[in-house]
Structure formats: structure tokens, C-alpha cells
Amino acid sequence: MNKQYLILFFLCLCNNIPVIAQRKCGFDDYRKTQIALHPELANHFAKQKASLQAIADNFTLEKNLSKANKQTSSSPAPVPVIFHIIINETQFLALGGSAGIKQRCDSQIAVLNRDYNKQNADSVNIPSSWKPFYGNVGIHFALALIDTNGNTMTTPGYDLKIITNIGFNGSTNSYSDAKHSITGGADAWDNTKYMNVWCINFADVSGLLGITVAKSFTFIGGGSTANNEQGICIAYNALGKRVLSSDSYPPGSGGITYDEGKTLTHEVGHFFEIWHVWGDDSGLCPWNGGSDDGLSDTPPQGDNTYGNPAYTITGGTLYDGCQYNATVNKQPIGIACLSYMDYTDDAGMLLFTTQQAAVMKSQVSVVGGVTGENIALVQNPGLTTIVEKPSNLNLSIYPNPTKGILNITFDTNVSNLQNIEIYNLVGQAAMSITIDSPQKSIYYIDISRLNKGIYFVNCNFANGKYIQKILLQ
């Protein structure tokens, strides 16, 4: 092989292996691009950021009033997630083929549910001074099981498209080509029912892990992005949580990898309208022309944070150039670099703050008579549940919500009940009960040992099954 061909060979090889040294999110660059194209958007985005504190305060006030009046709210359905995986054959094999993709989709949903419901095990690493700010978003996610035509999916939660090129270009237009079949990508599913996530190779920007188009980018009248482009693009090999050391994941700073699924945790934060903790204000402080992220429980911060920084103050994290406004310490417990909305490695991302959580939950709630912009996403339980109910079955599962005890009753003329299984949101078995006396008309099941959250109770009969979603409080 001569020298020219050898060089060409290695260039092609490098083009097929994304080199990622530090986390990068396209949220701010895309916003600036849109403002450059449509200057009127600058005021729109400034108002959107300025509104976040009031949104958080109103949500918290209504929540506290409900508690004081001993009111309970029903748990919304999980957000149906569809992963559009658009990769070439080499990238497909690097993910472990179909089995590897399934593992990544399943593990990614599990990560989202932990991170958005205050159940992440690494919360033990949150410094003591930050514990009071550890927020519970209270949004659940599940793989879409029913497609846009009402059919049961053969690949739950994802569709796969094998392409011949190395990926997509388009950081200035949120990788629009990936979102349309006519340009080699995959069309969005109805974004009032599904959260669309396109898993691709970013061919033009080294280090880019994700870019999100939130509802605020698609508003009518500003000439911004088309509504059918709402959703998230992430690096295909940042999807999911590592299981095997041989799994291909993007490299991170100092050799640490982005392998815990928190790239999507970060991007979903943008999807539900929160900003980076430093406010995307070019390193400025609020008192010298900056604007920060609009929320008071994330201290003023100059810029992003890379790596997994060691804690340098008692119970806190790091200081930066926005620590002091004159003599006033604005970072008494450091900057919020441990938030999912900074640029730290996955291992350094530990929490959403209470106000970040409040803003996001408000997007799928009705607060003070105002309907959240994405509330439709939590009103489609049928898209994440498959029910095959035997004929002539009169079955009840109650109470729902429950504190731990479930009553399952059905007509005694229904025989051949084989077993009862309980699954979590990602389809993992949490409990299984073998039926010794199928003619019984009532069963009592204690699920109090399970973690709080949403589960599916499957009653399996010889001639079909009955599935019901329940909430364990």
C-alpha cells in the first residue's frame, strides 16, 4: 500500500470513530444560530429564561397548598419514548447489534426514571450542604410499545435505520436531516404523544453529545424551528448505561467515559425548558452583564465545568469567578457543578435542584390554571402498555394508588389463572406469584418492599392476560 492510500485509509478510519474529549451540548450554539437568523428571538428567549423563577415558585406554592389541604394528585402516565437509531453498519456492530441496542434502550429508560425521581444510587455522593437542594422531578418515562399506527412494536421503544454514510452534519439547524426520512433520517412520531430521541453520529462537531429542540424553540410567529423537529439528538454511543467494559462509549476527560446514560438526562432537562447552570451567558456574572440560568438555587456561575471535580470546600463543590459581587459571597456552598445541567462527566452529575425540578414538572402539570406545554405527553398510558384481556373477565386491582397492599379480585367462573407478575417501568420483573388455587376470587399482595413508583401488574391466564398500571406511594 503506497503512502497516499495509507493516509487515506487512516483518515477514513478516523472519520468513523468519533473522538470526544470533553462534553459539549449544542443547546446554546443552536439558540445563538436561531437568534442570528431571527433577531426577534433574542427577546423571546430572554423572557423565557426570566420566567423560570416564577414558574418554579408557583409550582412550589401550589404543591405546598395541596399538602396543607391534604390533597393528593394522581400520578401521570409515563412519557412514551421512541429512540430513532440511525447509524451505519460499523456503528451498529460497535453497539453490539440488536441485543446491544435493546440493552441500551432499556438501561437508558431506567437511568431517566432514577434521575428524574430522586432514586439515583450515586446521590450518596451529594455533599451535605447540597442535600436540601436535591429535587424530585416526578416525571416517569417508558419505552413506547405501540407505534403511530396503533400496532405493537416488534422492537419496543426504538426503530432502526442503517445508513451508508458516517453520520449527519447540521449543528446550526439541530441536525434537521436526521429528523426527516426524505433527507436520510427518520421522521418524528407525533410529538404530542411521544418524546422523540434521534441517536446519530454527529459528523461535523467533535465532542458534541447532544442537542435539543424544546417547545420554546418551535413557537409560532417567531419564524423558528418547525414543530416536527421538536425533540432530542444524542450521540449514538452515549445512549444507555455501560454493562460490559468492552461496550463502545464516547471517551470523556482524562479517559473517563460518558457511560452512565446521563447525556440524555441532561438533554431531557433542556427538553423540559431548563438551561445550563451557568446560564449560557458567555462566562459573565449577573452583576456584570450576565443573566445566569434564571433560578435562585443554582448560584451565579461564570462558565461550564468539565471532568469530575473533587469537592474543595466543606459540604460544597467549587468556586469560580462569580463567587463575589463586591464583598458579597454569592457561592456560599460553591457552584452547582454537580447538577445534571453542567458539563461534568457522568460520574460527577448527581442531582437536579428543587427549582429545576419544579420548572420541569410544571411542563407536564396544570399550575394555577396554566397548562404545561408538554402535558399531552403524560396522558397516553396506552402507548406504553399492552393489554390482552380475556373475554368475560371481571377483574379489579385496588387500591390505586396503594401504600403497599393490593387486592386482586375476579369472578370465580374464570379459571386457569396461572401467575401474577409485577414489572417496573422498564419491564424488569419485581415480583412473581405462582397461583396454587386458580379458583380463588381474591388475592392479597404486599408490595411494600418495592421502591415507590409506577408498576404494572400482570395477571396471566391460560387464555390471555390482564395488565394494569398501579402507583406505589
Protein backbone atom coordinates (compact mmCIF):
# COMPACT_ATOMS: atom_id res chain seq x y z
CA MET A 1 0.00 0.00 0.00
CA ASN A 2 1.58 3.31 -1.02
CA LYS A 3 1.82 6.28 1.28
CA GLN A 4 -1.13 8.21 -0.24
CA TYR A 5 -3.52 5.28 0.14
CA LEU A 6 -2.25 4.63 3.65
CA ILE A 7 -3.03 8.20 4.68
CA LEU A 8 -6.46 7.99 3.05
CA PHE A 9 -7.17 4.72 4.88
CA PHE A 10 -6.41 6.21 8.28
CA LEU A 11 -8.45 9.35 7.52
CA CYS A 12 -11.48 7.20 6.69
CA LEU A 13 -10.93 5.15 9.82
CA CYS A 14 -10.82 8.26 11.99
CA ASN A 15 -13.98 9.62 10.37
CA ASN A 16 -15.85 6.52 11.55
CA ILE A 17 -14.68 6.80 15.16
CA PRO A 18 -15.94 9.91 16.93
CA VAL A 19 -13.29 11.50 19.11
CA ILE A 20 -14.82 13.14 22.14
CA ALA A 21 -12.55 14.75 24.69
CA GLN A 22 -14.96 16.87 26.70
CA ARG A 23 -18.74 17.04 26.98
CA LYS A 24 -20.44 19.51 24.69
CA CYS A 25 -24.15 20.26 24.32
CA GLY A 26 -25.47 22.15 21.30
CA PHE A 27 -28.24 23.96 23.18
CA ASP A 28 -26.53 27.37 23.39
CA ASP A 29 -24.92 27.33 19.92
CA TYR A 30 -28.22 26.41 18.31
CA ARG A 31 -30.03 29.15 20.23
CA LYS A 32 -27.49 31.73 19.05
CA THR A 33 -27.82 30.50 15.48
CA GLN A 34 -31.57 30.93 15.63
CA ILE A 35 -31.20 34.46 17.03
CA ALA A 36 -28.79 35.33 14.23
CA LEU A 37 -31.37 34.16 11.68
CA HIS A 38 -34.34 35.68 13.52
CA PRO A 39 -33.23 38.58 15.77
CA GLU A 40 -36.69 38.83 17.32
CA LEU A 41 -35.97 35.54 19.08
CA ALA A 42 -33.43 37.19 21.40
CA ASN A 43 -36.22 38.82 23.37
CA HIS A 44 -38.27 35.62 23.29
CA PHE A 45 -35.50 33.54 24.86
CA ALA A 46 -34.65 36.25 27.39
CA LYS A 47 -38.28 36.30 28.53
CA GLN A 48 -38.40 32.51 28.68
CA LYS A 49 -35.37 32.38 30.98
CA ALA A 50 -36.67 35.26 33.10
CA SER A 51 -39.95 33.40 33.62
CA LEU A 52 -38.36 30.29 35.15
CA GLN A 53 -38.17 31.56 38.73
CA ALA A 54 -41.86 32.46 38.78
CA ILE A 55 -42.73 29.06 37.29
CA ALA A 56 -40.72 27.30 39.99
CA ASP A 57 -42.20 29.46 42.76
CA ASN A 58 -45.79 28.98 41.57
CA PHE A 59 -45.37 25.22 41.30
CA THR A 60 -43.86 25.01 44.78
CA LEU A 61 -46.62 27.20 46.25
CA GLU A 62 -49.38 25.08 44.73
CA LYS A 63 -47.65 21.89 45.84
CA ASN A 64 -47.38 23.18 49.42
CA LEU A 65 -51.03 24.26 49.43
CA SER A 66 -52.07 20.79 48.30
CA LYS A 67 -50.09 19.26 51.13
CA ALA A 68 -51.60 21.65 53.66
CA ASN A 69 -55.09 20.74 52.46
CA LYS A 70 -54.13 17.04 52.45
CA GLN A 71 -54.90 16.79 48.75
CA THR A 72 -53.30 14.05 46.70
CA SER A 73 -52.67 14.27 43.00
CA SER A 74 -52.87 11.31 40.67
CA SER A 75 -49.62 10.16 39.13
CA PRO A 76 -49.45 11.00 35.41
CA ALA A 77 -48.73 8.31 32.87
CA PRO A 78 -45.09 7.85 31.87
CA VAL A 79 -43.73 9.78 28.90
CA PRO A 80 -43.59 7.39 25.90
CA VAL A 81 -40.05 7.48 24.46
CA ILE A 82 -39.16 6.47 20.92
CA PHE A 83 -35.47 6.16 20.02
CA HIS A 84 -34.79 6.66 16.31
CA ILE A 85 -31.43 4.93 15.87
CA ILE A 86 -29.83 5.98 12.57
CA ILE A 87 -26.33 4.53 12.18
CA ASN A 88 -24.14 2.69 9.70
CA GLU A 89 -23.21 -0.97 9.86
CA THR A 90 -19.90 -0.37 11.63
CA GLN A 91 -21.63 1.69 14.32
CA PHE A 92 -24.39 -0.93 14.61
CA LEU A 93 -21.80 -3.62 15.32
CA ALA A 94 -20.00 -1.33 17.79
CA LEU A 95 -23.23 -1.12 19.79
CA GLY A 96 -23.43 -4.90 19.97
CA GLY A 97 -26.04 -5.34 17.26
CA SER A 98 -29.74 -5.67 18.07
CA ALA A 99 -29.11 -7.11 21.53
CA GLY A 100 -26.78 -4.25 22.42
CA ILE A 101 -29.27 -1.65 21.22
CA LYS A 102 -32.06 -3.22 23.28
CA GLN A 103 -29.83 -3.19 26.38
CA ARG A 104 -29.00 0.47 25.84
CA CYS A 105 -32.63 1.48 25.36
CA ASP A 106 -33.73 -0.46 28.45
CA SER A 107 -30.90 0.88 30.61
CA GLN A 108 -31.46 4.43 29.39
CA ILE A 109 -35.09 4.40 30.49
CA ALA A 110 -34.01 3.03 33.87
CA VAL A 111 -31.47 5.85 34.23
CA LEU A 112 -34.05 8.52 33.36
CA ASN A 113 -36.52 7.15 35.87
CA ARG A 114 -33.90 7.10 38.62
CA ASP A 115 -32.53 10.57 37.86
CA TYR A 116 -35.96 12.18 37.49
CA ASN A 117 -37.42 10.56 40.60
CA LYS A 118 -34.66 11.08 43.16
CA GLN A 119 -33.63 7.42 43.09
CA ASN A 120 -30.08 7.60 41.70
CA ALA A 121 -27.80 5.50 43.91
CA ASP A 122 -24.87 7.91 43.49
CA SER A 123 -26.82 10.55 45.42
CA VAL A 124 -24.79 9.32 48.41
CA ASN A 125 -22.00 11.47 46.93
CA ILE A 126 -24.00 14.69 47.23
CA PRO A 127 -22.24 16.97 49.75
CA SER A 128 -24.20 17.65 52.92
CA SER A 129 -24.77 21.33 52.12
CA TRP A 130 -26.36 20.42 48.81
CA LYS A 131 -28.71 17.76 50.20
CA PRO A 132 -31.55 20.28 50.87
CA PHE A 133 -31.45 21.24 47.18
CA TYR A 134 -31.81 17.64 45.90
CA GLY A 135 -35.04 17.82 43.92
CA ASN A 136 -37.55 15.21 42.79
CA VAL A 137 -38.89 15.99 39.32
CA GLY A 138 -41.55 13.29 39.49
CA ILE A 139 -41.73 12.53 35.76
CA HIS A 140 -41.62 8.90 34.64
CA PHE A 141 -40.56 7.52 31.28
CA ALA A 142 -41.27 4.28 29.44
CA LEU A 143 -40.39 2.73 26.11
CA ALA A 144 -43.11 3.20 23.51
CA LEU A 145 -44.74 -0.18 22.89
CA ILE A 146 -47.41 0.99 20.42
CA ASP A 147 -46.39 2.76 17.21
CA THR A 148 -48.09 5.66 15.47
CA ASN A 149 -50.39 3.28 13.57
CA GLY A 150 -51.62 1.64 16.77
CA ASN A 151 -49.60 -1.53 16.22
CA THR A 152 -47.50 -3.36 18.80
CA MET A 153 -43.83 -2.65 18.12
CA THR A 154 -41.54 -5.55 17.24
CA THR A 155 -38.62 -3.57 18.67
CA PRO A 156 -40.07 -1.95 21.81
CA GLY A 157 -39.02 1.65 22.18
CA TYR A 158 -36.87 2.03 19.09
CA ASP A 159 -36.74 1.91 15.33
CA LEU A 160 -33.51 1.24 13.47
CA LYS A 161 -32.26 2.61 10.18
CA ILE A 162 -28.94 1.51 8.73
CA ILE A 163 -27.29 4.17 6.56
CA THR A 164 -24.11 4.16 4.47
CA ASN A 165 -22.57 7.49 5.47
CA ILE A 166 -20.75 8.15 8.75
CA GLY A 167 -23.42 10.37 10.24
CA PHE A 168 -25.06 13.76 9.93
CA ASN A 169 -23.95 17.38 9.66
CA GLY A 170 -26.05 20.24 10.88
CA SER A 171 -25.19 21.76 14.23
CA THR A 172 -26.65 25.06 13.02
CA ASN A 173 -30.06 23.52 12.27
CA SER A 174 -30.28 20.93 15.07
CA TYR A 175 -29.40 18.13 12.64
CA SER A 176 -32.62 18.55 10.73
CA ASP A 177 -31.62 15.96 8.12
CA ALA A 178 -31.67 13.25 10.79
CA LYS A 179 -35.30 14.09 11.55
CA HIS A 180 -36.75 13.51 8.11
CA SER A 181 -36.81 10.35 6.02
CA ILE A 182 -36.59 12.37 2.81
CA THR A 183 -33.12 13.54 3.83
CA GLY A 184 -31.89 10.15 5.04
CA GLY A 185 -33.14 10.31 8.61
CA ALA A 186 -36.29 9.17 10.40
CA ASP A 187 -39.50 11.16 10.64
CA ALA A 188 -40.65 12.31 14.07
CA TRP A 189 -43.54 10.48 15.66
CA ASP A 190 -46.39 12.66 16.92
CA ASN A 191 -44.61 14.89 19.42
CA THR A 192 -47.78 15.44 21.43
CA LYS A 193 -47.71 11.74 22.27
CA TYR A 194 -44.06 10.66 22.10
CA MET A 195 -40.72 12.12 23.13
CA ASN A 196 -38.57 11.68 20.03
CA VAL A 197 -34.87 10.93 20.53
CA TRP A 198 -32.65 10.59 17.46
CA CYS A 199 -29.47 8.59 18.13
CA ILE A 200 -26.91 9.51 15.49
CA ASN A 201 -23.25 10.20 14.84
CA PHE A 202 -22.50 13.94 14.86
CA ALA A 203 -20.13 14.03 11.91
CA ASP A 204 -19.27 17.74 11.96
CA VAL A 205 -18.68 18.69 15.63
CA SER A 206 -16.10 16.91 17.74
CA GLY A 207 -17.19 16.49 21.33
CA LEU A 208 -20.89 17.06 20.74
CA LEU A 209 -23.00 14.66 22.80
CA GLY A 210 -26.46 16.14 22.41
CA ILE A 211 -28.65 18.93 21.08
CA THR A 212 -32.28 19.59 22.00
CA VAL A 213 -35.14 21.48 20.39
CA ALA A 214 -37.59 22.35 23.16
CA LYS A 215 -41.11 23.65 22.69
CA SER A 216 -39.90 27.21 23.22
CA PHE A 217 -37.82 26.86 20.03
CA THR A 218 -40.88 25.97 17.96
CA PHE A 219 -43.29 28.71 18.90
CA ILE A 220 -45.47 30.10 16.12
CA GLY A 221 -44.80 33.65 14.99
CA GLY A 222 -41.07 33.85 15.59
CA GLY A 223 -40.04 32.05 12.44
CA SER A 224 -38.14 29.48 14.47
CA THR A 225 -37.79 25.72 14.06
CA ALA A 226 -40.65 23.67 12.65
CA ASN A 227 -42.75 21.90 15.26
CA ASN A 228 -41.97 18.47 13.78
CA GLU A 229 -38.33 18.92 14.79
CA GLN A 230 -39.06 19.15 18.49
CA GLY A 231 -37.04 16.52 20.34
CA ILE A 232 -33.51 15.44 21.14
CA CYS A 233 -30.49 14.29 19.16
CA ILE A 234 -27.76 12.45 21.07
CA ALA A 235 -24.54 10.74 20.10
CA TYR A 236 -25.50 7.16 19.27
CA ASN A 237 -22.80 5.72 21.52
CA ALA A 238 -23.81 7.86 24.51
CA LEU A 239 -27.15 6.04 24.69
CA GLY A 240 -27.72 3.95 27.81
CA LYS A 241 -25.58 2.73 30.67
CA ARG A 242 -22.45 0.60 30.32
CA VAL A 243 -22.75 -3.06 31.25
CA LEU A 244 -19.59 -4.58 29.78
CA SER A 245 -16.19 -2.93 29.81
CA SER A 246 -15.94 -3.72 26.11
CA ASP A 247 -19.03 -1.66 25.26
CA SER A 248 -18.33 1.29 22.98
CA TYR A 249 -18.97 4.64 24.66
CA PRO A 250 -17.65 8.12 23.92
CA PRO A 251 -14.40 8.91 25.74
CA GLY A 252 -14.51 11.67 28.31
CA SER A 253 -11.99 13.90 30.03
CA GLY A 254 -8.92 12.15 31.34
CA GLY A 255 -10.08 8.85 29.88
CA ILE A 256 -13.30 8.83 31.94
CA THR A 257 -16.29 7.94 29.79
CA TYR A 258 -19.80 9.27 29.41
CA ASP A 259 -21.18 5.80 30.05
CA GLU A 260 -23.89 6.17 32.70
CA GLY A 261 -26.72 7.41 30.49
CA LYS A 262 -26.65 10.95 31.83
CA THR A 263 -26.22 12.59 28.44
CA LEU A 264 -29.94 12.05 27.89
CA THR A 265 -30.72 13.08 31.48
CA HIS A 266 -29.06 16.42 30.64
CA GLU A 267 -30.81 16.84 27.28
CA VAL A 268 -34.25 15.97 28.68
CA GLY A 269 -33.67 18.83 31.13
CA HIS A 270 -33.47 21.17 28.12
CA PHE A 271 -36.50 19.46 26.60
CA PHE A 272 -38.46 20.48 29.70
CA GLU A 273 -37.11 24.04 29.41
CA ILE A 274 -34.28 24.41 31.93
CA TRP A 275 -30.94 25.94 30.97
CA HIS A 276 -27.32 25.17 31.73
CA VAL A 277 -26.47 26.19 35.29
CA TRP A 278 -24.09 28.94 34.14
CA GLY A 279 -26.87 30.49 32.03
CA ASP A 280 -25.15 30.37 28.63
CA ASP A 281 -24.09 33.98 29.06
CA SER A 282 -20.50 33.73 27.76
CA GLY A 283 -18.83 33.49 31.16
CA LEU A 284 -20.37 36.64 32.64
CA CYS A 285 -21.79 37.16 36.11
CA PRO A 286 -25.30 38.61 36.67
CA TRP A 287 -23.81 41.85 38.01
CA ASN A 288 -21.55 42.45 35.01
CA GLY A 289 -23.91 41.79 32.12
CA GLY A 290 -24.67 38.10 32.54
CA SER A 291 -28.03 36.51 33.30
CA ASP A 292 -27.26 33.11 34.84
CA ASP A 293 -29.88 30.32 34.46
CA GLY A 294 -32.86 32.14 35.93
CA LEU A 295 -33.11 30.05 39.13
CA SER A 296 -32.01 31.12 42.59
CA ASP A 297 -30.98 27.71 43.96
CA THR A 298 -28.22 27.36 41.36
CA PRO A 299 -25.68 30.02 42.41
CA PRO A 300 -24.33 32.51 39.88
CA GLN A 301 -21.72 30.74 37.79
CA GLY A 302 -19.34 32.04 35.18
CA ASP A 303 -18.98 29.09 32.84
CA ASN A 304 -19.25 25.33 32.44
CA THR A 305 -17.33 22.72 34.45
CA TYR A 306 -15.51 19.77 32.93
CA GLY A 307 -14.37 16.47 34.42
CA ASN A 308 -15.40 15.22 37.84
CA PRO A 309 -14.02 17.87 40.19
CA ALA A 310 -13.10 17.00 43.73
CA TYR A 311 -15.01 18.86 46.40
CA THR A 312 -12.86 21.69 47.64
CA ILE A 313 -14.98 23.28 50.37
CA THR A 314 -16.80 21.75 53.31
CA GLY A 315 -20.06 20.32 52.07
CA GLY A 316 -19.80 22.07 48.72
CA THR A 317 -18.19 21.89 45.33
CA LEU A 318 -16.16 24.56 43.55
CA TYR A 319 -15.90 28.32 43.45
CA ASP A 320 -15.42 30.28 40.24
CA GLY A 321 -15.06 33.91 39.11
CA CYS A 322 -18.64 34.74 40.11
CA GLN A 323 -18.09 33.94 43.79
CA TYR A 324 -18.12 37.58 44.92
CA ASN A 325 -20.25 40.52 43.93
CA ALA A 326 -18.10 43.18 45.55
CA THR A 327 -17.76 41.72 49.07
CA VAL A 328 -20.92 39.59 49.00
CA ASN A 329 -20.27 35.85 48.67
CA LYS A 330 -22.73 34.59 46.05
CA GLN A 331 -21.46 30.99 46.22
CA PRO A 332 -21.64 30.06 49.92
CA ILE A 333 -21.71 26.34 49.08
CA GLY A 334 -19.98 26.57 45.74
CA ILE A 335 -21.28 26.32 42.20
CA ALA A 336 -23.83 23.75 41.09
CA CYS A 337 -21.40 21.71 39.00
CA LEU A 338 -22.95 18.55 40.47
CA SER A 339 -26.23 19.36 38.69
CA TYR A 340 -27.14 17.32 35.63
CA MET A 341 -27.17 20.64 33.77
CA ASP A 342 -23.42 21.30 33.88
CA TYR A 343 -20.76 19.69 31.65
CA THR A 344 -19.16 17.36 34.17
CA ASP A 345 -18.54 13.69 33.43
CA ASP A 346 -21.45 11.34 34.10
CA ALA A 347 -19.87 10.35 37.41
CA GLY A 348 -19.99 13.99 38.56
CA MET A 349 -23.68 14.54 37.76
CA LEU A 350 -25.73 13.88 40.88
CA LEU A 351 -28.91 15.95 41.07
CA PHE A 352 -31.49 18.37 39.81
CA THR A 353 -32.10 21.21 42.23
CA THR A 354 -35.58 21.65 43.69
CA GLN A 355 -36.28 24.63 41.43
CA GLN A 356 -35.00 22.88 38.32
CA ALA A 357 -37.33 20.02 39.25
CA ALA A 358 -40.26 22.37 39.78
CA VAL A 359 -39.84 24.00 36.37
CA MET A 360 -39.73 20.64 34.62
CA LYS A 361 -42.69 19.14 36.45
CA SER A 362 -44.72 22.24 35.64
CA GLN A 363 -44.31 21.45 31.94
CA VAL A 364 -46.48 18.34 32.38
CA SER A 365 -48.87 19.77 35.01
CA VAL A 366 -51.60 22.36 35.45
CA VAL A 367 -50.29 25.06 37.78
CA GLY A 368 -52.51 27.96 38.80
CA GLY A 369 -54.80 27.25 35.90
CA VAL A 370 -51.92 27.27 33.40
CA THR A 371 -51.47 24.07 31.43
CA GLY A 372 -47.89 22.92 30.94
CA GLU A 373 -46.69 22.94 27.35
CA ASN A 374 -45.94 19.19 27.32
CA ILE A 375 -48.83 17.90 29.41
CA ALA A 376 -50.11 15.80 26.49
CA LEU A 377 -47.01 13.60 26.82
CA VAL A 378 -48.22 12.20 30.16
CA GLN A 379 -51.76 11.43 29.03
CA ASN A 380 -51.16 8.38 26.86
CA PRO A 381 -50.73 5.32 29.09
CA GLY A 382 -51.93 3.08 26.28
CA LEU A 383 -48.77 3.76 24.28
CA THR A 384 -46.58 2.10 26.91
CA THR A 385 -48.89 -0.74 27.96
CA ILE A 386 -50.09 -3.79 26.08
CA VAL A 387 -53.33 -5.25 27.39
CA GLU A 388 -54.72 -8.57 26.23
CA LYS A 389 -57.81 -9.06 28.34
CA PRO A 390 -59.51 -12.47 28.29
CA SER A 391 -63.17 -12.37 27.35
CA ASN A 392 -65.83 -12.37 30.10
CA LEU A 393 -63.30 -11.26 32.69
CA ASN A 394 -64.45 -9.00 35.51
CA LEU A 395 -61.22 -8.20 37.35
CA SER A 396 -60.31 -5.37 39.74
CA ILE A 397 -56.97 -4.33 41.20
CA TYR A 398 -57.19 -1.84 44.06
CA PRO A 399 -56.46 0.44 45.84
CA ASN A 400 -54.63 2.50 43.26
CA PRO A 401 -52.52 4.35 44.36
CA THR A 402 -51.53 1.96 47.13
CA LYS A 403 -49.30 2.20 50.17
CA GLY A 404 -48.28 -1.42 49.79
CA ILE A 405 -51.25 -3.82 49.80
CA LEU A 406 -53.03 -4.76 46.57
CA ASN A 407 -56.35 -6.57 46.36
CA ILE A 408 -56.90 -8.51 43.15
CA THR A 409 -60.46 -9.79 42.71
CA PHE A 410 -62.12 -11.54 39.80
CA ASP A 411 -65.14 -13.72 39.06
CA THR A 412 -64.88 -17.27 40.34
CA ASN A 413 -66.09 -18.58 36.99
CA VAL A 414 -62.80 -17.51 35.47
CA SER A 415 -60.34 -20.36 35.87
CA ASN A 416 -56.80 -21.07 34.77
CA LEU A 417 -55.14 -18.10 36.44
CA GLN A 418 -51.50 -19.18 36.21
CA ASN A 419 -49.48 -16.47 37.89
CA ILE A 420 -49.32 -12.81 38.83
CA GLU A 421 -46.24 -10.79 37.87
CA ILE A 422 -45.27 -7.25 38.74
CA TYR A 423 -42.93 -5.27 36.48
CA ASN A 424 -41.33 -1.87 36.77
CA LEU A 425 -41.44 0.79 34.05
CA VAL A 426 -38.61 -0.72 32.01
CA GLY A 427 -40.06 -4.20 32.03
CA GLN A 428 -37.88 -5.69 34.78
CA ALA A 429 -39.63 -8.26 36.96
CA ALA A 430 -40.07 -7.01 40.53
CA MET A 431 -42.23 -9.83 41.90
CA SER A 432 -43.82 -13.08 40.72
CA ILE A 433 -46.56 -15.07 42.46
CA THR A 434 -47.39 -18.61 41.40
CA ILE A 435 -51.08 -19.47 41.69
CA ASP A 436 -51.79 -22.73 43.54
CA SER A 437 -55.58 -22.30 43.73
CA PRO A 438 -56.78 -20.74 40.47
CA GLN A 439 -60.43 -20.79 41.59
CA LYS A 440 -59.91 -18.24 44.37
CA SER A 441 -61.76 -14.97 43.83
CA ILE A 442 -59.43 -12.63 45.72
CA TYR A 443 -55.70 -12.31 46.31
CA TYR A 444 -53.85 -10.02 48.69
CA ILE A 445 -50.36 -8.97 47.61
CA ASP A 446 -47.92 -6.99 49.72
CA ILE A 447 -45.62 -4.88 47.53
CA SER A 448 -44.45 -2.52 50.27
CA ARG A 449 -40.87 -3.77 49.99
CA LEU A 450 -40.62 -2.40 46.43
CA ASN A 451 -39.33 1.09 45.70
CA LYS A 452 -42.01 3.73 45.34
CA GLY A 453 -43.09 4.36 41.78
CA ILE A 454 -45.16 3.05 38.90
CA TYR A 455 -45.53 -0.70 38.28
CA PHE A 456 -47.53 -2.96 36.00
CA VAL A 457 -49.49 -5.87 37.49
CA ASN A 458 -49.81 -8.76 35.01
CA CYS A 459 -52.45 -11.39 35.71
CA ASN A 460 -51.63 -14.25 33.36
CA PHE A 461 -54.43 -16.66 32.40
CA ALA A 462 -54.28 -19.66 30.10
CA ASN A 463 -56.28 -17.73 27.52
CA GLY A 464 -54.74 -14.29 27.84
CA LYS A 465 -53.61 -11.67 30.32
CA TYR A 466 -54.79 -8.57 32.11
CA ILE A 467 -52.34 -5.73 32.78
CA GLN A 468 -52.96 -2.72 34.97
CA LYS A 469 -50.70 0.17 35.88
CA ILE A 470 -50.53 0.95 39.61
CA LEU A 471 -48.75 3.55 41.70
CA LEU A 472 -46.91 2.56 44.89
CA GLN A 473 -46.69 5.59 47.20
